[in-house]
């Protein structure tokens, strides 16, 4: 497998997370701030994700893109150093973490709607 294919797998795995955090999350920050002002306690996962949403779309997209670029560089170093796992295993592992991160981000946004507040 060429190095570029592994980079594409990593980028594809993290694409949903970067798009969600940069495009969708900033829209929910105002909603969650209004809920918090009325006394509704936000779940811990939501409170942890909100500072990233407060950056806005542009900075959040740049942070996410930079993080993905860093992951690709680490992957390229892994492959060039001929470390265990070959080419496909590290690429799929990093991409799988990206998909799981997307699921966690979506859960953080949906938790306040799902869990009733006391």
Protein backbone atom coordinates (compact mmCIF):
# COMPACT_ATOMS: atom_id res chain seq x y z
CA UNK A 1 0.00 0.00 0.00
CA UNK A 2 1.46 3.38 -0.93
CA UNK A 3 2.10 5.96 1.76
CA UNK A 4 -0.45 8.31 0.19
CA UNK A 5 -3.17 5.67 0.53
CA UNK A 6 -2.51 5.40 4.26
CA UNK A 7 -2.63 9.18 4.54
CA UNK A 8 -5.96 9.18 2.69
CA UNK A 9 -7.36 6.54 5.05
CA UNK A 10 -6.34 8.63 8.07
CA UNK A 11 -7.75 11.81 6.56
CA UNK A 12 -11.01 10.08 5.69
CA UNK A 13 -11.36 8.66 9.17
CA UNK A 14 -10.93 12.08 10.77
CA UNK A 15 -12.90 14.07 8.19
CA UNK A 16 -16.26 13.70 9.94
CA UNK A 17 -14.80 14.82 13.26
CA UNK A 18 -13.14 17.91 11.80
CA UNK A 19 -16.27 18.91 9.88
CA UNK A 20 -18.52 18.32 12.88
CA UNK A 21 -16.34 20.25 15.31
CA UNK A 22 -15.78 23.16 12.94
CA UNK A 23 -19.20 23.48 11.29
CA UNK A 24 -21.81 22.04 13.64
CA UNK A 25 -20.47 22.45 17.16
CA UNK A 26 -20.20 26.28 17.17
CA UNK A 27 -23.92 26.48 16.42
CA UNK A 28 -24.76 24.52 19.55
CA UNK A 29 -22.60 26.58 21.91
CA UNK A 30 -25.24 29.33 22.15
CA UNK A 31 -27.97 26.79 22.80
CA UNK A 32 -25.98 25.15 25.58
CA UNK A 33 -25.09 28.54 27.08
CA UNK A 34 -28.79 29.43 27.23
CA UNK A 35 -29.58 26.07 28.85
CA UNK A 36 -26.81 26.58 31.40
CA UNK A 37 -28.14 30.07 32.17
CA UNK A 38 -31.53 28.60 33.03
CA UNK A 39 -29.94 26.26 35.54
CA UNK A 40 -29.73 23.09 33.45
CA UNK A 41 -26.54 21.22 34.28
CA UNK A 42 -24.65 20.04 31.23
CA UNK A 43 -23.13 16.54 31.13
CA UNK A 44 -19.37 16.43 31.66
CA UNK A 45 -18.72 15.33 28.08
CA UNK A 46 -20.62 18.35 26.76
CA UNK A 47 -18.81 20.76 29.08
CA UNK A 48 -15.47 19.35 27.94
CA UNK A 49 -16.29 19.86 24.25
CA UNK A 50 -17.79 23.35 24.48
CA UNK A 51 -14.48 25.29 24.71
CA UNK A 52 -13.56 23.88 21.30
CA UNK A 53 -16.88 25.08 19.91
CA UNK A 54 -16.31 28.54 21.34
CA UNK A 55 -13.29 28.99 19.05
CA UNK A 56 -15.63 29.31 16.08
CA UNK A 57 -15.63 27.55 12.73
CA UNK A 58 -12.38 28.88 11.28
CA UNK A 59 -10.03 28.25 14.20
CA UNK A 60 -11.65 24.90 14.97
CA UNK A 61 -11.16 23.80 11.35
CA UNK A 62 -7.53 24.90 11.44
CA UNK A 63 -6.92 23.05 14.72
CA UNK A 64 -8.55 19.89 13.34
CA UNK A 65 -6.70 20.07 10.04
CA UNK A 66 -3.41 20.61 11.86
CA UNK A 67 -4.09 17.63 14.11
CA UNK A 68 -4.84 15.40 11.11
CA UNK A 69 -1.67 16.61 9.38
CA UNK A 70 0.31 15.76 12.50
CA UNK A 71 -1.21 12.27 12.56
CA UNK A 72 -0.24 11.75 8.92
CA UNK A 73 3.33 12.86 9.63
CA UNK A 74 3.55 10.44 12.57
CA UNK A 75 2.13 7.70 10.34
CA UNK A 76 4.73 8.46 7.66
CA UNK A 77 7.48 8.27 10.27
CA UNK A 78 6.07 4.97 11.50
CA UNK A 79 6.14 3.52 7.99
CA UNK A 80 9.59 4.88 7.13
CA UNK A 81 11.05 3.50 10.36
CA UNK A 82 9.56 0.10 9.50
CA UNK A 83 7.97 -0.26 12.91
CA UNK A 84 5.67 -3.23 13.60
CA UNK A 85 2.26 -3.21 11.99
CA UNK A 86 3.29 -2.50 8.43
CA UNK A 87 1.37 0.16 6.53
CA UNK A 88 -2.29 -0.75 6.80
CA UNK A 89 -2.66 -1.53 10.52
CA UNK A 90 -1.48 1.88 11.83
CA UNK A 91 -3.52 3.73 9.19
CA UNK A 92 -6.70 1.83 10.03
CA UNK A 93 -6.10 2.22 13.77
CA UNK A 94 -5.71 6.00 13.52
CA UNK A 95 -8.75 6.23 11.22
CA UNK A 96 -10.80 4.13 13.64
CA UNK A 97 -9.89 6.49 16.46
CA UNK A 98 -11.12 9.35 14.26
CA UNK A 99 -14.49 7.66 13.76
CA UNK A 100 -14.78 6.96 17.49
CA UNK A 101 -13.94 10.58 18.24
CA UNK A 102 -16.76 11.64 15.92
CA UNK A 103 -19.17 9.39 17.82
CA UNK A 104 -18.04 10.90 21.13
CA UNK A 105 -18.52 14.44 19.77
CA UNK A 106 -22.02 13.64 18.54
CA UNK A 107 -22.84 12.05 21.90
CA UNK A 108 -21.62 15.17 23.69
CA UNK A 109 -24.00 17.30 21.65
CA UNK A 110 -26.95 14.92 21.98
CA UNK A 111 -26.58 14.09 25.69
CA UNK A 112 -28.29 17.25 26.95
CA UNK A 113 -31.30 16.41 24.80
CA UNK A 114 -31.41 12.75 25.80
CA UNK A 115 -30.69 12.90 29.53
CA UNK A 116 -33.45 14.65 31.46
CA UNK A 117 -32.29 17.25 33.93
CA UNK A 118 -33.52 17.24 37.50
